[in-house]
Amino acid sequence: MSEAKATYDPEADAISIRFAPTGATYAEREEVAPGVVLDDE
């Protein structure tokens, strides 16, 4: 089963959205554009 989870940090004015199978972990992060970070499995 997959899930989407969004969190918002008003202090940083940033949103994080994760789309992943339940229980997935993330090994790496890559900034692909200023302020845009992707997590890799």
N, C-alpha and C. Protein backbone atom coordinates (compact mmCIF):
# COMPACT_ATOMS: atom_id res chain seq x y z
N MET A 1 0.84 -1.18 0.00
CA MET A 1 0.00 0.00 0.00
C MET A 1 0.89 1.25 0.00
N SER A 2 0.51 2.26 -0.75
CA SER A 2 1.25 3.52 -0.81
C SER A 2 0.51 4.58 -0.03
N GLU A 3 1.27 5.59 0.37
CA GLU A 3 0.65 6.71 1.06
C GLU A 3 1.33 8.01 0.66
N ALA A 4 0.62 9.10 0.80
CA ALA A 4 1.18 10.43 0.59
C ALA A 4 1.07 11.17 1.91
N LYS A 5 2.14 11.86 2.27
CA LYS A 5 2.15 12.60 3.53
C LYS A 5 2.71 13.99 3.25
N ALA A 6 2.01 15.01 3.69
CA ALA A 6 2.47 16.38 3.52
C ALA A 6 2.62 17.03 4.89
N THR A 7 3.70 17.77 5.06
CA THR A 7 3.91 18.55 6.27
C THR A 7 4.32 19.95 5.86
N TYR A 8 3.95 20.93 6.68
CA TYR A 8 4.26 22.33 6.38
C TYR A 8 4.95 22.94 7.59
N ASP A 9 6.05 23.64 7.35
CA ASP A 9 6.79 24.35 8.39
C ASP A 9 6.58 25.84 8.16
N PRO A 10 5.69 26.48 8.93
CA PRO A 10 5.40 27.90 8.68
C PRO A 10 6.61 28.81 8.97
N GLU A 11 7.48 28.42 9.87
CA GLU A 11 8.65 29.24 10.17
C GLU A 11 9.59 29.31 8.97
N ALA A 12 9.78 28.16 8.30
CA ALA A 12 10.65 28.12 7.12
C ALA A 12 9.86 28.40 5.83
N ASP A 13 8.52 28.45 5.93
CA ASP A 13 7.64 28.59 4.78
C ASP A 13 7.97 27.52 3.74
N ALA A 14 8.00 26.26 4.23
CA ALA A 14 8.37 25.13 3.38
C ALA A 14 7.37 23.99 3.55
N ILE A 15 7.15 23.28 2.46
CA ILE A 15 6.28 22.10 2.49
C ILE A 15 7.08 20.88 2.08
N SER A 16 6.78 19.77 2.71
CA SER A 16 7.41 18.49 2.36
C SER A 16 6.29 17.53 2.00
N ILE A 17 6.41 16.90 0.83
CA ILE A 17 5.41 15.93 0.39
C ILE A 17 6.15 14.64 0.06
N ARG A 18 5.69 13.55 0.66
CA ARG A 18 6.30 12.24 0.40
C ARG A 18 5.25 11.30 -0.18
N PHE A 19 5.62 10.66 -1.27
CA PHE A 19 4.81 9.63 -1.91
C PHE A 19 5.64 8.37 -1.86
N ALA A 20 5.20 7.36 -1.12
CA ALA A 20 6.01 6.16 -0.96
C ALA A 20 5.18 5.01 -0.42
N PRO A 21 5.66 3.79 -0.65
CA PRO A 21 5.00 2.65 -0.02
C PRO A 21 5.13 2.77 1.50
N THR A 22 4.14 2.29 2.20
CA THR A 22 4.16 2.30 3.66
C THR A 22 5.43 1.64 4.17
N GLY A 23 6.14 2.30 5.08
CA GLY A 23 7.36 1.75 5.67
C GLY A 23 8.63 2.02 4.89
N ALA A 24 8.54 2.76 3.78
CA ALA A 24 9.73 3.04 2.97
C ALA A 24 10.70 3.95 3.72
N THR A 25 11.97 3.76 3.47
CA THR A 25 13.00 4.64 4.02
C THR A 25 13.72 5.35 2.87
N TYR A 26 14.41 6.42 3.19
CA TYR A 26 15.10 7.21 2.18
C TYR A 26 16.58 7.23 2.50
N ALA A 27 17.40 6.90 1.51
CA ALA A 27 18.83 6.78 1.71
C ALA A 27 19.58 8.07 1.38
N GLU A 28 19.12 8.81 0.39
CA GLU A 28 19.85 9.99 -0.08
C GLU A 28 18.89 11.14 -0.34
N ARG A 29 19.44 12.34 -0.29
CA ARG A 29 18.70 13.53 -0.69
C ARG A 29 19.54 14.29 -1.70
N GLU A 30 18.86 14.87 -2.68
CA GLU A 30 19.56 15.63 -3.70
C GLU A 30 18.79 16.92 -3.96
N GLU A 31 19.48 18.06 -3.89
CA GLU A 31 18.86 19.34 -4.23
C GLU A 31 18.93 19.50 -5.75
N VAL A 32 17.78 19.43 -6.40
CA VAL A 32 17.72 19.44 -7.86
C VAL A 32 17.51 20.84 -8.43
N ALA A 33 17.09 21.75 -7.59
CA ALA A 33 16.93 23.16 -7.93
C ALA A 33 16.96 23.92 -6.61
N PRO A 34 17.22 25.20 -6.63
CA PRO A 34 17.25 25.94 -5.37
C PRO A 34 15.96 25.75 -4.58
N GLY A 35 16.08 25.16 -3.41
CA GLY A 35 14.93 24.94 -2.54
C GLY A 35 14.11 23.71 -2.86
N VAL A 36 14.51 22.91 -3.86
CA VAL A 36 13.79 21.69 -4.24
C VAL A 36 14.69 20.50 -3.96
N VAL A 37 14.28 19.66 -2.98
CA VAL A 37 15.08 18.51 -2.58
C VAL A 37 14.29 17.23 -2.85
N LEU A 38 14.94 16.28 -3.53
CA LEU A 38 14.33 14.97 -3.78
C LEU A 38 15.02 13.93 -2.92
N ASP A 39 14.22 13.02 -2.37
CA ASP A 39 14.75 11.89 -1.61
C ASP A 39 14.79 10.67 -2.51
N ASP A 40 15.90 9.93 -2.48
CA ASP A 40 16.05 8.70 -3.24
C ASP A 40 15.95 7.52 -2.28
N GLU A 41 15.40 6.41 -2.79
CA GLU A 41 15.36 5.19 -1.99
C GLU A 41 16.73 4.59 -1.91
